[in-house]
Amino acid sequence: MPPADLLAAAAPILDAIYTNGREAVVLTAINKPAAYDREVIERFNGTYAANVFAFMRRQATLNTVLVLARLWDTNADAQSIPRAARYLARADVVDEIVARRRADRLAIMEHPIITDAAEEDLPLIREARERMAEEGADAAEAQTRAGAVDIIERVDAFLRSPLRDSLHALRSRAIAHTLEMTRDERRAAEAGAPIAALVIGDEDRIREVTLPLITDINLVMRGLHVGFEDMAAVWDRYAQDYWGWFDGTQKGRPRPDPVG
């Protein structure tokens, strides 16, 4: 398949990983008070809602794990970060991206020069413009090629990490299936290097690796900046407002008089 067609085929994959990245941000924000905030946990544990609260917290945690696992799925047809990185491992695809970036930077030379300068100065102005356009194209090419290599290295590093093994094991054992032990866990145990259990807090570490990669892959492959910082701040505020409405008063008991 020509590289231009490969890039067109990659577009829905990039859209899918961005959508999953957004979901990971939202789930983490909603679940963080329930998983980490001692005041919220104690407030619910002292009410008739404790069991429902524990169930909701577990489901939000498992859904967070599931969306992160989707982002790191290595199946050949998965709409995931590893699959997107495979496009960047192809020299012809990177060459196609570079050609587009260079064309974007060099397009400035096709525009007419609007200036009050004297006619005899126009050749110098054109020369300066061409030099700046070439320098911009060279910089864009260098950034694109270095960015592709960097992304591949970061993806490979996470795929080889114990954290990814823990994520995949929990997804396969407790979410996709109901198993005592996955094949990967059994092989690792037999080799004397058991896979560690994924614990609360690990999802933050995975997200810290994942979200910047989604941003950088979009920048390299289609020159589009997609970020999550503002979204995370907004959803953190939504979550605080939601959990703040629960004051922990048990059913059938009067609300305490406000202080002050």
C-alpha atoms as a PDB file:
ATOM      1  CA  MET A   1       0.000   0.000   0.000  1.00  0.00           C
ATOM      2  CA  PRO A   2       1.422   3.452  -0.889  1.00  0.00           C
ATOM      3  CA  PRO A   3       2.536   5.510   2.127  1.00  0.00           C
ATOM      4  CA  ALA A   4      -0.120   8.165   1.471  1.00  0.00           C
ATOM      5  CA  ASP A   5      -2.791   5.472   1.713  1.00  0.00           C
ATOM      6  CA  LEU A   6      -1.191   4.125   4.882  1.00  0.00           C
ATOM      7  CA  LEU A   7      -1.410   7.552   6.482  1.00  0.00           C
ATOM      8  CA  ALA A   8      -5.062   7.787   5.476  1.00  0.00           C
ATOM      9  CA  ALA A   9      -5.657   4.359   7.045  1.00  0.00           C
ATOM     10  CA  ALA A  10      -3.927   5.517  10.228  1.00  0.00           C
ATOM     11  CA  ALA A  11      -6.334   8.424  10.773  1.00  0.00           C
ATOM     12  CA  PRO A  12      -9.134   6.398  12.459  1.00  0.00           C
ATOM     13  CA  ILE A  13      -6.523   4.696  14.640  1.00  0.00           C
ATOM     14  CA  LEU A  14      -5.254   8.079  15.831  1.00  0.00           C
ATOM     15  CA  ASP A  15      -8.851   9.190  16.450  1.00  0.00           C
ATOM     16  CA  ALA A  16      -9.510   6.040  18.492  1.00  0.00           C
ATOM     17  CA  ILE A  17      -6.453   6.370  20.703  1.00  0.00           C
ATOM     18  CA  TYR A  18      -7.315  10.020  21.364  1.00  0.00           C
ATOM     19  CA  THR A  19     -10.881   9.043  22.307  1.00  0.00           C
ATOM     20  CA  ASN A  20      -9.550   6.362  24.658  1.00  0.00           C
ATOM     21  CA  GLY A  21      -7.080   8.853  26.104  1.00  0.00           C
ATOM     22  CA  ARG A  22      -9.942  11.229  26.882  1.00  0.00           C
ATOM     23  CA  GLU A  23     -11.833   8.394  28.563  1.00  0.00           C
ATOM     24  CA  ALA A  24      -8.793   7.541  30.685  1.00  0.00           C
ATOM     25  CA  VAL A  25      -8.590  11.170  31.840  1.00  0.00           C
ATOM     26  CA  VAL A  26     -12.291  11.274  32.737  1.00  0.00           C
ATOM     27  CA  LEU A  27     -12.323   7.935  34.554  1.00  0.00           C
ATOM     28  CA  THR A  28      -9.226   8.809  36.548  1.00  0.00           C
ATOM     29  CA  ALA A  29     -10.634  12.173  37.603  1.00  0.00           C
ATOM     30  CA  ILE A  30     -13.964  10.680  38.677  1.00  0.00           C
ATOM     31  CA  ASN A  31     -12.406   7.778  40.554  1.00  0.00           C
ATOM     32  CA  LYS A  32      -9.494   9.579  42.199  1.00  0.00           C
ATOM     33  CA  PRO A  33     -11.471  10.926  45.197  1.00  0.00           C
ATOM     34  CA  ALA A  34     -13.078   7.519  45.698  1.00  0.00           C
ATOM     35  CA  ALA A  35      -9.739   5.710  45.494  1.00  0.00           C
ATOM     36  CA  TYR A  36      -7.400   8.178  47.217  1.00  0.00           C
ATOM     37  CA  ASP A  37      -9.301  10.782  49.256  1.00  0.00           C
ATOM     38  CA  ARG A  38      -9.421   9.552  52.841  1.00  0.00           C
ATOM     39  CA  GLU A  39     -12.209  11.971  53.751  1.00  0.00           C
ATOM     40  CA  VAL A  40     -14.457  10.745  50.921  1.00  0.00           C
ATOM     41  CA  ILE A  41     -13.745   7.097  51.760  1.00  0.00           C
ATOM     42  CA  GLU A  42     -14.424   7.550  55.482  1.00  0.00           C
ATOM     43  CA  ARG A  43     -17.554   9.546  54.740  1.00  0.00           C
ATOM     44  CA  PHE A  44     -19.073   6.721  52.698  1.00  0.00           C
ATOM     45  CA  ASN A  45     -17.802   3.896  54.872  1.00  0.00           C
ATOM     46  CA  GLY A  46     -19.859   5.337  57.712  1.00  0.00           C
ATOM     47  CA  THR A  47     -23.139   5.219  55.781  1.00  0.00           C
ATOM     48  CA  TYR A  48     -25.601   2.713  54.363  1.00  0.00           C
ATOM     49  CA  ALA A  49     -24.097   3.540  50.951  1.00  0.00           C
ATOM     50  CA  ALA A  50     -20.757   1.886  51.777  1.00  0.00           C
ATOM     51  CA  ASN A  51     -21.357  -1.245  49.672  1.00  0.00           C
ATOM     52  CA  VAL A  52     -22.601   0.700  46.658  1.00  0.00           C
ATOM     53  CA  PHE A  53     -19.669   3.094  47.012  1.00  0.00           C
ATOM     54  CA  ALA A  54     -17.184   0.200  47.077  1.00  0.00           C
ATOM     55  CA  PHE A  55     -18.804  -1.348  44.004  1.00  0.00           C
ATOM     56  CA  MET A  56     -18.712   1.929  42.071  1.00  0.00           C
ATOM     57  CA  ARG A  57     -15.087   2.504  43.047  1.00  0.00           C
ATOM     58  CA  ARG A  58     -14.096  -0.965  41.882  1.00  0.00           C
ATOM     59  CA  GLN A  59     -15.943  -0.610  38.571  1.00  0.00           C
ATOM     60  CA  ALA A  60     -14.384   2.788  37.872  1.00  0.00           C
ATOM     61  CA  THR A  61     -10.949   1.356  38.650  1.00  0.00           C
ATOM     62  CA  LEU A  62     -11.473  -1.670  36.398  1.00  0.00           C
ATOM     63  CA  ASN A  63     -12.815   0.545  33.606  1.00  0.00           C
ATOM     64  CA  THR A  64      -9.709   2.709  33.902  1.00  0.00           C
ATOM     65  CA  VAL A  65      -7.544  -0.393  33.604  1.00  0.00           C
ATOM     66  CA  LEU A  66      -9.592  -1.571  30.621  1.00  0.00           C
ATOM     67  CA  VAL A  67      -9.252   1.671  28.660  1.00  0.00           C
ATOM     68  CA  LEU A  68      -5.509   1.785  29.343  1.00  0.00           C
ATOM     69  CA  ALA A  69      -5.236  -1.830  28.203  1.00  0.00           C
ATOM     70  CA  ARG A  70      -7.055  -0.950  24.976  1.00  0.00           C
ATOM     71  CA  LEU A  71      -4.542   1.803  24.353  1.00  0.00           C
ATOM     72  CA  TRP A  72      -1.681  -0.699  24.717  1.00  0.00           C
ATOM     73  CA  ASP A  73      -3.271  -3.620  22.859  1.00  0.00           C
ATOM     74  CA  THR A  74      -0.718  -5.297  20.588  1.00  0.00           C
ATOM     75  CA  ASN A  75      -3.183  -7.200  18.383  1.00  0.00           C
ATOM     76  CA  ALA A  76      -2.533  -6.589  14.694  1.00  0.00           C
ATOM     77  CA  ASP A  77      -5.884  -4.880  14.090  1.00  0.00           C
ATOM     78  CA  ALA A  78      -6.151  -3.022  17.399  1.00  0.00           C
ATOM     79  CA  GLN A  79      -6.662   0.741  17.290  1.00  0.00           C
ATOM     80  CA  SER A  80      -3.877   1.300  19.766  1.00  0.00           C
ATOM     81  CA  ILE A  81      -0.606   3.094  20.421  1.00  0.00           C
ATOM     82  CA  PRO A  82       1.576   0.111  19.400  1.00  0.00           C
ATOM     83  CA  ARG A  83      -0.260  -0.145  16.082  1.00  0.00           C
ATOM     84  CA  ALA A  84       0.169   3.584  15.404  1.00  0.00           C
ATOM     85  CA  ALA A  85       3.861   3.261  16.246  1.00  0.00           C
ATOM     86  CA  ARG A  86       4.196   0.501  13.652  1.00  0.00           C
ATOM     87  CA  TYR A  87       3.389   3.035  10.942  1.00  0.00           C
ATOM     88  CA  LEU A  88       6.247   5.224  12.164  1.00  0.00           C
ATOM     89  CA  ALA A  89       8.594   2.233  11.978  1.00  0.00           C
ATOM     90  CA  ARG A  90       8.189   2.283   8.183  1.00  0.00           C
ATOM     91  CA  ALA A  91      10.754   4.457   6.405  1.00  0.00           C
ATOM     92  CA  ASP A  92       8.381   5.155   3.491  1.00  0.00           C
ATOM     93  CA  VAL A  93       5.684   6.453   5.829  1.00  0.00           C
ATOM     94  CA  VAL A  94       8.125   8.736   7.626  1.00  0.00           C
ATOM     95  CA  ASP A  95       9.410   9.948   4.241  1.00  0.00           C
ATOM     96  CA  GLU A  96       5.840  10.769   3.221  1.00  0.00           C
ATOM     97  CA  ILE A  97       5.248  12.728   6.437  1.00  0.00           C
ATOM     98  CA  VAL A  98       8.541  14.566   5.938  1.00  0.00           C
ATOM     99  CA  ALA A  99       7.613  15.459   2.348  1.00  0.00           C
ATOM    100  CA  ARG A 100       4.343  16.950   3.573  1.00  0.00           C
ATOM    101  CA  ARG A 101       6.036  18.925   6.340  1.00  0.00           C
ATOM    102  CA  ARG A 102       8.623  20.289   3.923  1.00  0.00           C
ATOM    103  CA  ALA A 103       5.919  21.239   1.442  1.00  0.00           C
ATOM    104  CA  ASP A 104       4.039  23.112   4.137  1.00  0.00           C
ATOM    105  CA  ARG A 105       7.128  25.124   5.086  1.00  0.00           C
ATOM    106  CA  LEU A 106       8.185  25.812   1.481  1.00  0.00           C
ATOM    107  CA  ALA A 107       4.685  26.910   0.404  1.00  0.00           C
ATOM    108  CA  ILE A 108       5.441  30.420   1.662  1.00  0.00           C
ATOM    109  CA  MET A 109       7.609  30.957  -1.414  1.00  0.00           C
ATOM    110  CA  GLU A 110       4.545  30.680  -3.656  1.00  0.00           C
ATOM    111  CA  HIS A 111       2.872  33.728  -2.128  1.00  0.00           C
ATOM    112  CA  PRO A 112       3.401  37.158  -3.663  1.00  0.00           C
ATOM    113  CA  ILE A 113       5.679  39.563  -1.844  1.00  0.00           C
ATOM    114  CA  ILE A 114       3.771  42.519  -0.450  1.00  0.00           C
ATOM    115  CA  THR A 115       6.201  45.273   0.430  1.00  0.00           C
ATOM    116  CA  ASP A 116       6.957  48.937  -0.065  1.00  0.00           C
ATOM    117  CA  ALA A 117      10.587  48.135  -0.768  1.00  0.00           C
ATOM    118  CA  ALA A 118      12.228  49.417  -3.908  1.00  0.00           C
ATOM    119  CA  GLU A 119      12.189  47.155  -6.971  1.00  0.00           C
ATOM    120  CA  GLU A 120      15.931  46.620  -6.792  1.00  0.00           C
ATOM    121  CA  ASP A 121      15.572  45.211  -3.228  1.00  0.00           C
ATOM    122  CA  LEU A 122      13.077  42.508  -4.186  1.00  0.00           C
ATOM    123  CA  PRO A 123      15.705  39.905  -5.189  1.00  0.00           C
ATOM    124  CA  LEU A 124      17.286  40.179  -1.725  1.00  0.00           C
ATOM    125  CA  ILE A 125      13.866  39.851  -0.092  1.00  0.00           C
ATOM    126  CA  ARG A 126      13.079  36.764  -2.170  1.00  0.00           C
ATOM    127  CA  GLU A 127      16.442  35.255  -1.301  1.00  0.00           C
ATOM    128  CA  ALA A 128      15.900  35.865   2.413  1.00  0.00           C
ATOM    129  CA  ARG A 129      12.419  34.374   2.224  1.00  0.00           C
ATOM    130  CA  GLU A 130      13.664  31.286   0.410  1.00  0.00           C
ATOM    131  CA  ARG A 131      16.453  30.835   2.939  1.00  0.00           C
ATOM    132  CA  MET A 132      14.015  31.074   5.855  1.00  0.00           C
ATOM    133  CA  ALA A 133      11.631  28.636   4.171  1.00  0.00           C
ATOM    134  CA  GLU A 134      14.426  26.124   3.549  1.00  0.00           C
ATOM    135  CA  GLU A 135      15.638  26.438   7.133  1.00  0.00           C
ATOM    136  CA  GLY A 136      12.087  25.899   8.374  1.00  0.00           C
ATOM    137  CA  ALA A 137      11.683  22.856   6.146  1.00  0.00           C
ATOM    138  CA  ASP A 138      14.999  21.407   7.339  1.00  0.00           C
ATOM    139  CA  ALA A 139      13.993  21.939  10.978  1.00  0.00           C
ATOM    140  CA  ALA A 140      10.580  20.345  10.394  1.00  0.00           C
ATOM    141  CA  GLU A 141      12.216  17.335   8.753  1.00  0.00           C
ATOM    142  CA  ALA A 142      14.711  16.896  11.591  1.00  0.00           C
ATOM    143  CA  GLN A 143      11.961  17.188  14.216  1.00  0.00           C
ATOM    144  CA  THR A 144       9.749  14.689  12.382  1.00  0.00           C
ATOM    145  CA  ARG A 145      12.450  12.067  11.958  1.00  0.00           C
ATOM    146  CA  ALA A 146      13.693  12.454  15.541  1.00  0.00           C
ATOM    147  CA  GLY A 147      10.124  12.402  16.833  1.00  0.00           C
ATOM    148  CA  ALA A 148       9.340   9.147  15.016  1.00  0.00           C
ATOM    149  CA  VAL A 149      12.418   7.447  16.469  1.00  0.00           C
ATOM    150  CA  ASP A 150      11.651   8.778  19.956  1.00  0.00           C
ATOM    151  CA  ILE A 151       8.053   7.530  19.854  1.00  0.00           C
ATOM    152  CA  ILE A 152       9.099   4.041  18.740  1.00  0.00           C
ATOM    153  CA  GLU A 153      11.682   3.849  21.531  1.00  0.00           C
ATOM    154  CA  ARG A 154       9.189   4.982  24.192  1.00  0.00           C
ATOM    155  CA  VAL A 155       6.521   2.547  22.986  1.00  0.00           C
ATOM    156  CA  ASP A 156       8.991  -0.345  22.947  1.00  0.00           C
ATOM    157  CA  ALA A 157      10.260   0.579  26.412  1.00  0.00           C
ATOM    158  CA  PHE A 158       6.771   0.475  27.922  1.00  0.00           C
ATOM    159  CA  LEU A 159       5.850  -2.750  26.142  1.00  0.00           C
ATOM    160  CA  ARG A 160       8.921  -4.365  27.722  1.00  0.00           C
ATOM    161  CA  SER A 161       8.223  -2.928  31.179  1.00  0.00           C
ATOM    162  CA  PRO A 162       6.921  -4.823  34.231  1.00  0.00           C
ATOM    163  CA  LEU A 163       4.150  -2.239  34.504  1.00  0.00           C
ATOM    164  CA  ARG A 164       2.761  -3.216  31.109  1.00  0.00           C
ATOM    165  CA  ASP A 165       2.954  -6.890  32.096  1.00  0.00           C
ATOM    166  CA  SER A 166       0.913  -6.119  35.233  1.00  0.00           C
ATOM    167  CA  LEU A 167      -1.649  -4.146  33.223  1.00  0.00           C
ATOM    168  CA  HIS A 168      -2.062  -6.885  30.628  1.00  0.00           C
ATOM    169  CA  ALA A 169      -2.279  -9.625  33.264  1.00  0.00           C
ATOM    170  CA  LEU A 170      -5.066  -7.880  35.206  1.00  0.00           C
ATOM    171  CA  ARG A 171      -6.971  -7.122  32.015  1.00  0.00           C
ATOM    172  CA  SER A 172      -6.755 -10.737  30.814  1.00  0.00           C
ATOM    173  CA  ARG A 173      -7.367 -12.352  34.204  1.00  0.00           C
ATOM    174  CA  ALA A 174     -10.093 -10.268  35.824  1.00  0.00           C
ATOM    175  CA  ILE A 175     -11.694  -8.102  33.134  1.00  0.00           C
ATOM    176  CA  ALA A 176     -11.674  -9.958  29.807  1.00  0.00           C
ATOM    177  CA  HIS A 177     -11.858 -13.358  31.537  1.00  0.00           C
ATOM    178  CA  THR A 178     -12.259 -14.875  34.989  1.00  0.00           C
ATOM    179  CA  LEU A 179      -9.049 -16.784  35.507  1.00  0.00           C
ATOM    180  CA  GLU A 180      -6.940 -17.839  38.435  1.00  0.00           C
ATOM    181  CA  MET A 181      -3.819 -17.117  36.431  1.00  0.00           C
ATOM    182  CA  THR A 182      -3.129 -16.121  32.819  1.00  0.00           C
ATOM    183  CA  ARG A 183      -0.737 -18.021  30.578  1.00  0.00           C
ATOM    184  CA  ASP A 184       1.742 -15.158  30.782  1.00  0.00           C
ATOM    185  CA  GLU A 185       1.557 -15.169  34.581  1.00  0.00           C
ATOM    186  CA  ARG A 186       2.053 -18.925  34.707  1.00  0.00           C
ATOM    187  CA  ARG A 187       5.077 -18.800  32.390  1.00  0.00           C
ATOM    188  CA  ALA A 188       6.579 -15.926  34.371  1.00  0.00           C
ATOM    189  CA  ALA A 189       6.067 -17.780  37.660  1.00  0.00           C
ATOM    190  CA  GLU A 190       7.665 -20.927  36.262  1.00  0.00           C
ATOM    191  CA  ALA A 191      10.638 -18.839  35.097  1.00  0.00           C
ATOM    192  CA  GLY A 192      11.061 -17.471  38.627  1.00  0.00           C
ATOM    193  CA  ALA A 193      10.041 -13.910  37.678  1.00  0.00           C
ATOM    194  CA  PRO A 194       6.362 -13.584  38.657  1.00  0.00           C
ATOM    195  CA  ILE A 195       4.350 -10.688  37.289  1.00  0.00           C
ATOM    196  CA  ALA A 196       3.563  -8.169  40.009  1.00  0.00           C
ATOM    197  CA  ALA A 197      -0.057  -7.318  40.760  1.00  0.00           C
ATOM    198  CA  LEU A 198      -1.324  -3.965  39.511  1.00  0.00           C
ATOM    199  CA  VAL A 199      -2.054  -1.792  42.547  1.00  0.00           C
ATOM    200  CA  ILE A 200      -3.862   1.496  43.114  1.00  0.00           C
ATOM    201  CA  GLY A 201      -1.531   4.221  41.880  1.00  0.00           C
ATOM    202  CA  ASP A 202      -0.102   2.198  39.011  1.00  0.00           C
ATOM    203  CA  GLU A 203      -2.806   3.537  36.705  1.00  0.00           C
ATOM    204  CA  ASP A 204      -1.379   7.018  37.265  1.00  0.00           C
ATOM    205  CA  ARG A 205       2.072   5.827  36.221  1.00  0.00           C
ATOM    206  CA  ILE A 206       0.653   4.218  33.092  1.00  0.00           C
ATOM    207  CA  ARG A 207      -1.308   7.340  32.234  1.00  0.00           C
ATOM    208  CA  GLU A 208       1.814   9.489  32.644  1.00  0.00           C
ATOM    209  CA  VAL A 209       3.484   7.382  29.939  1.00  0.00           C
ATOM    210  CA  THR A 210       0.435   7.091  27.722  1.00  0.00           C
ATOM    211  CA  LEU A 211      -1.041  10.572  27.351  1.00  0.00           C
ATOM    212  CA  PRO A 212       2.162  12.342  26.209  1.00  0.00           C
ATOM    213  CA  LEU A 213       2.634   9.589  23.630  1.00  0.00           C
ATOM    214  CA  ILE A 214      -0.850  10.210  22.227  1.00  0.00           C
ATOM    215  CA  THR A 215      -0.015  13.908  21.933  1.00  0.00           C
ATOM    216  CA  ASP A 216       3.354  13.273  20.275  1.00  0.00           C
ATOM    217  CA  ILE A 217       2.031  10.641  17.844  1.00  0.00           C
ATOM    218  CA  ASN A 218      -0.596  13.086  16.603  1.00  0.00           C
ATOM    219  CA  LEU A 219       1.993  15.837  16.255  1.00  0.00           C
ATOM    220  CA  VAL A 220       4.358  13.676  14.222  1.00  0.00           C
ATOM    221  CA  MET A 221       1.826  11.850  12.061  1.00  0.00           C
ATOM    222  CA  ARG A 222      -0.570  14.672  11.225  1.00  0.00           C
ATOM    223  CA  GLY A 223       0.839  17.879  12.654  1.00  0.00           C
ATOM    224  CA  LEU A 224      -2.097  18.138  15.056  1.00  0.00           C
ATOM    225  CA  HIS A 225      -1.746  19.093  18.698  1.00  0.00           C
ATOM    226  CA  VAL A 226      -4.092  17.209  21.014  1.00  0.00           C
ATOM    227  CA  GLY A 227      -3.581  17.770  24.712  1.00  0.00           C
ATOM    228  CA  PHE A 228      -5.203  16.562  27.895  1.00  0.00           C
ATOM    229  CA  GLU A 229      -4.089  19.080  30.515  1.00  0.00           C
ATOM    230  CA  ASP A 230      -7.123  21.383  30.315  1.00  0.00           C
ATOM    231  CA  MET A 231      -9.497  18.426  30.133  1.00  0.00           C
ATOM    232  CA  ALA A 232      -7.924  16.881  33.225  1.00  0.00           C
ATOM    233  CA  ALA A 233      -8.282  20.134  35.170  1.00  0.00           C
ATOM    234  CA  VAL A 234     -11.948  20.494  34.187  1.00  0.00           C
ATOM    235  CA  TRP A 235     -12.846  16.913  35.080  1.00  0.00           C
ATOM    236  CA  ASP A 236     -10.963  17.133  38.367  1.00  0.00           C
ATOM    237  CA  ARG A 237     -13.228  20.063  39.210  1.00  0.00           C
ATOM    238  CA  TYR A 238     -16.344  18.175  38.104  1.00  0.00           C
ATOM    239  CA  ALA A 239     -15.353  15.221  40.300  1.00  0.00           C
ATOM    240  CA  GLN A 240     -14.687  17.417  43.329  1.00  0.00           C
ATOM    241  CA  ASP A 241     -18.075  19.038  42.934  1.00  0.00           C
ATOM    242  CA  TYR A 242     -19.800  15.660  42.587  1.00  0.00           C
ATOM    243  CA  TRP A 243     -18.232  13.978  45.602  1.00  0.00           C
ATOM    244  CA  GLY A 244     -18.587  17.160  47.648  1.00  0.00           C
ATOM    245  CA  TRP A 245     -22.375  16.869  47.533  1.00  0.00           C
ATOM    246  CA  PHE A 246     -22.260  13.788  49.751  1.00  0.00           C
ATOM    247  CA  ASP A 247     -21.975  14.711  53.401  1.00  0.00           C
ATOM    248  CA  GLY A 248     -22.147  11.171  54.806  1.00  0.00           C
ATOM    249  CA  THR A 249     -25.394  11.563  56.763  1.00  0.00           C
ATOM    250  CA  GLN A 250     -26.848   8.098  57.309  1.00  0.00           C
ATOM    251  CA  LYS A 251     -30.350   7.274  56.098  1.00  0.00           C
ATOM    252  CA  GLY A 252     -33.063   8.154  58.596  1.00  0.00           C
ATOM    253  CA  ARG A 253     -30.849  10.451  60.640  1.00  0.00           C
ATOM    254  CA  PRO A 254     -31.300  14.224  60.751  1.00  0.00           C
ATOM    255  CA  ARG A 255     -28.773  16.418  59.041  1.00  0.00           C
ATOM    256  CA  PRO A 256     -26.503  18.272  61.475  1.00  0.00           C
ATOM    257  CA  ASP A 257     -27.002  21.986  61.913  1.00  0.00           C
ATOM    258  CA  PRO A 258     -24.539  24.002  59.821  1.00  0.00           C
ATOM    259  CA  VAL A 259     -21.587  25.380  61.753  1.00  0.00           C
ATOM    260  CA  GLY A 260     -21.077  29.140  61.781  1.00  0.00           C
END
